[in-house]
Amino acid sequence: MEYGHIELRINQLLKEKNISKNKICKDLDLPRPNFNRYCNNQFQRIDANLIAKLCWYFECGIDELIIYKSDS
């Protein structure tokens, strides 16, 4: 059974707010390779602390950062 998948809208929010990956990684003290995996939706687990940091940084709600896509 396919349940769908979760996607992070990091790239869209970076573009909307005109923020570079280098800047956000520096500001939030995030390793760039790890951040790139989240940007490219190549993750197995989501770090709740990272989600809180991103919502704070982007001044957005979880619903603006995370979306669910059905595979059906």
N, C-alpha and C. Protein backbone atom coordinates (compact mmCIF):
# COMPACT_ATOMS: atom_id res chain seq x y z
N MET A 1 0.84 -1.19 0.00
CA MET A 1 0.00 0.00 0.00
C MET A 1 0.88 1.24 0.00
N GLU A 2 0.54 2.18 -0.86
CA GLU A 2 1.26 3.45 -0.93
C GLU A 2 0.53 4.49 -0.10
N TYR A 3 1.27 5.17 0.76
CA TYR A 3 0.67 6.16 1.64
C TYR A 3 0.93 7.60 1.19
N GLY A 4 1.72 7.78 0.16
CA GLY A 4 2.10 9.12 -0.26
C GLY A 4 3.42 9.50 0.37
N HIS A 5 3.75 10.77 0.32
CA HIS A 5 5.02 11.22 0.87
C HIS A 5 4.93 12.68 1.33
N ILE A 6 5.92 13.07 2.10
CA ILE A 6 6.03 14.41 2.65
C ILE A 6 7.08 15.19 1.85
N GLU A 7 6.80 16.43 1.55
CA GLU A 7 7.77 17.29 0.88
C GLU A 7 7.95 18.57 1.70
N LEU A 8 9.19 19.04 1.72
CA LEU A 8 9.50 20.31 2.35
C LEU A 8 9.59 21.38 1.26
N ARG A 9 9.06 22.53 1.53
CA ARG A 9 9.02 23.64 0.56
C ARG A 9 10.17 24.63 0.80
N ILE A 10 11.31 24.12 1.23
CA ILE A 10 12.43 25.01 1.57
C ILE A 10 12.87 25.83 0.36
N ASN A 11 13.06 25.18 -0.78
CA ASN A 11 13.53 25.91 -1.97
C ASN A 11 12.56 27.02 -2.36
N GLN A 12 11.27 26.75 -2.30
CA GLN A 12 10.28 27.76 -2.65
C GLN A 12 10.33 28.94 -1.67
N LEU A 13 10.47 28.63 -0.37
CA LEU A 13 10.52 29.70 0.63
C LEU A 13 11.80 30.52 0.50
N LEU A 14 12.92 29.86 0.21
CA LEU A 14 14.17 30.59 -0.01
C LEU A 14 14.00 31.57 -1.17
N LYS A 15 13.38 31.10 -2.24
CA LYS A 15 13.19 31.94 -3.43
C LYS A 15 12.23 33.09 -3.12
N GLU A 16 11.09 32.78 -2.47
CA GLU A 16 10.10 33.81 -2.15
C GLU A 16 10.69 34.91 -1.27
N LYS A 17 11.57 34.52 -0.35
CA LYS A 17 12.10 35.49 0.62
C LYS A 17 13.49 35.99 0.23
N ASN A 18 13.96 35.53 -0.95
CA ASN A 18 15.25 35.97 -1.49
C ASN A 18 16.39 35.73 -0.49
N ILE A 19 16.47 34.50 0.00
CA ILE A 19 17.51 34.11 0.96
C ILE A 19 18.36 33.02 0.30
N SER A 20 19.68 33.14 0.42
CA SER A 20 20.57 32.13 -0.16
C SER A 20 20.73 30.95 0.80
N LYS A 21 21.08 29.81 0.23
CA LYS A 21 21.36 28.63 1.06
C LYS A 21 22.55 28.89 1.98
N ASN A 22 23.54 29.60 1.47
CA ASN A 22 24.70 29.91 2.31
C ASN A 22 24.30 30.73 3.53
N LYS A 23 23.42 31.70 3.32
CA LYS A 23 23.00 32.57 4.43
C LYS A 23 22.23 31.79 5.49
N ILE A 24 21.25 31.00 5.07
CA ILE A 24 20.44 30.27 6.05
C ILE A 24 21.28 29.24 6.80
N CYS A 25 22.20 28.58 6.09
CA CYS A 25 23.07 27.59 6.76
C CYS A 25 23.95 28.28 7.80
N LYS A 26 24.46 29.45 7.45
CA LYS A 26 25.30 30.20 8.40
C LYS A 26 24.47 30.69 9.58
N ASP A 27 23.30 31.28 9.28
CA ASP A 27 22.46 31.84 10.33
C ASP A 27 21.96 30.77 11.32
N LEU A 28 21.64 29.58 10.80
CA LEU A 28 21.09 28.53 11.66
C LEU A 28 22.13 27.47 12.05
N ASP A 29 23.39 27.69 11.65
CA ASP A 29 24.47 26.75 11.96
C ASP A 29 24.13 25.33 11.50
N LEU A 30 23.77 25.23 10.21
CA LEU A 30 23.41 23.95 9.61
C LEU A 30 24.49 23.50 8.64
N PRO A 31 24.88 22.23 8.70
CA PRO A 31 25.83 21.72 7.70
C PRO A 31 25.17 21.74 6.31
N ARG A 32 25.86 22.31 5.35
CA ARG A 32 25.29 22.47 4.01
C ARG A 32 24.87 21.14 3.36
N PRO A 33 25.68 20.07 3.45
CA PRO A 33 25.23 18.81 2.83
C PRO A 33 23.91 18.29 3.41
N ASN A 34 23.74 18.41 4.72
CA ASN A 34 22.49 17.97 5.36
C ASN A 34 21.33 18.85 4.89
N PHE A 35 21.56 20.15 4.85
CA PHE A 35 20.53 21.09 4.43
C PHE A 35 20.11 20.82 2.99
N ASN A 36 21.09 20.52 2.12
CA ASN A 36 20.78 20.21 0.72
C ASN A 36 19.87 18.99 0.59
N ARG A 37 20.09 17.99 1.44
CA ARG A 37 19.23 16.80 1.41
C ARG A 37 17.78 17.19 1.73
N TYR A 38 17.59 18.05 2.72
CA TYR A 38 16.24 18.51 3.03
C TYR A 38 15.67 19.34 1.88
N CYS A 39 16.48 20.20 1.29
CA CYS A 39 16.02 21.02 0.16
C CYS A 39 15.58 20.16 -1.02
N ASN A 40 16.28 19.05 -1.23
CA ASN A 40 16.00 18.16 -2.36
C ASN A 40 15.02 17.05 -2.00
N ASN A 41 14.45 17.13 -0.80
CA ASN A 41 13.50 16.12 -0.32
C ASN A 41 14.08 14.72 -0.40
N GLN A 42 15.34 14.61 -0.02
CA GLN A 42 16.02 13.31 0.02
C GLN A 42 16.34 12.95 1.46
N PHE A 43 15.29 12.81 2.26
CA PHE A 43 15.46 12.51 3.68
C PHE A 43 14.54 11.36 4.04
N GLN A 44 14.89 10.66 5.11
CA GLN A 44 14.06 9.56 5.61
C GLN A 44 13.28 10.00 6.84
N ARG A 45 13.89 10.86 7.63
CA ARG A 45 13.27 11.35 8.85
C ARG A 45 13.38 12.87 8.87
N ILE A 46 12.42 13.48 9.54
CA ILE A 46 12.44 14.94 9.67
C ILE A 46 12.78 15.27 11.12
N ASP A 47 13.77 16.11 11.31
CA ASP A 47 14.19 16.56 12.63
C ASP A 47 13.22 17.65 13.10
N ALA A 48 12.49 17.40 14.17
CA ALA A 48 11.50 18.35 14.67
C ALA A 48 12.15 19.68 15.06
N ASN A 49 13.35 19.65 15.60
CA ASN A 49 14.05 20.88 15.96
C ASN A 49 14.37 21.70 14.71
N LEU A 50 14.77 21.03 13.65
CA LEU A 50 15.05 21.74 12.40
C LEU A 50 13.77 22.37 11.85
N ILE A 51 12.66 21.67 11.91
CA ILE A 51 11.39 22.22 11.43
C ILE A 51 11.03 23.48 12.23
N ALA A 52 11.21 23.43 13.54
CA ALA A 52 10.94 24.60 14.38
C ALA A 52 11.84 25.76 13.99
N LYS A 53 13.14 25.48 13.76
CA LYS A 53 14.08 26.53 13.36
C LYS A 53 13.67 27.15 12.03
N LEU A 54 13.29 26.30 11.07
CA LEU A 54 12.91 26.79 9.75
C LEU A 54 11.63 27.63 9.81
N CYS A 55 10.65 27.19 10.59
CA CYS A 55 9.41 27.97 10.74
C CYS A 55 9.72 29.33 11.36
N TRP A 56 10.58 29.33 12.36
CA TRP A 56 10.98 30.59 13.00
C TRP A 56 11.71 31.49 12.01
N TYR A 57 12.66 30.90 11.29
CA TYR A 57 13.49 31.67 10.35
C TYR A 57 12.65 32.27 9.23
N PHE A 58 11.77 31.44 8.65
CA PHE A 58 10.94 31.90 7.53
C PHE A 58 9.69 32.66 7.99
N GLU A 59 9.48 32.70 9.31
CA GLU A 59 8.28 33.32 9.87
C GLU A 59 7.04 32.74 9.20
N CYS A 60 6.96 31.40 9.23
CA CYS A 60 5.85 30.72 8.58
C CYS A 60 5.32 29.61 9.49
N GLY A 61 4.17 29.09 9.13
CA GLY A 61 3.61 27.95 9.84
C GLY A 61 4.09 26.65 9.22
N ILE A 62 3.89 25.57 9.95
CA ILE A 62 4.29 24.25 9.45
C ILE A 62 3.60 23.95 8.12
N ASP A 63 2.35 24.37 8.00
CA ASP A 63 1.60 24.10 6.78
C ASP A 63 2.17 24.81 5.55
N GLU A 64 2.98 25.83 5.76
CA GLU A 64 3.64 26.51 4.64
C GLU A 64 4.97 25.86 4.31
N LEU A 65 5.50 25.08 5.23
CA LEU A 65 6.81 24.45 5.06
C LEU A 65 6.72 23.00 4.60
N ILE A 66 5.72 22.29 5.12
CA ILE A 66 5.60 20.86 4.85
C ILE A 66 4.28 20.60 4.13
N ILE A 67 4.36 19.81 3.05
CA ILE A 67 3.14 19.41 2.37
C ILE A 67 3.12 17.88 2.21
N TYR A 68 1.91 17.34 2.17
CA TYR A 68 1.71 15.91 1.97
C TYR A 68 1.23 15.70 0.54
N LYS A 69 1.85 14.75 -0.16
CA LYS A 69 1.46 14.42 -1.52
C LYS A 69 1.00 12.97 -1.56
N SER A 70 -0.18 12.77 -2.04
CA SER A 70 -0.72 11.42 -2.18
C SER A 70 -0.12 10.79 -3.45
N ASP A 71 0.21 9.51 -3.38
CA ASP A 71 0.76 8.83 -4.55
C ASP A 71 -0.33 8.24 -5.43
N SER A 72 -1.59 8.38 -5.00
CA SER A 72 -2.66 7.79 -5.81
C SER A 72 -3.33 8.80 -6.71
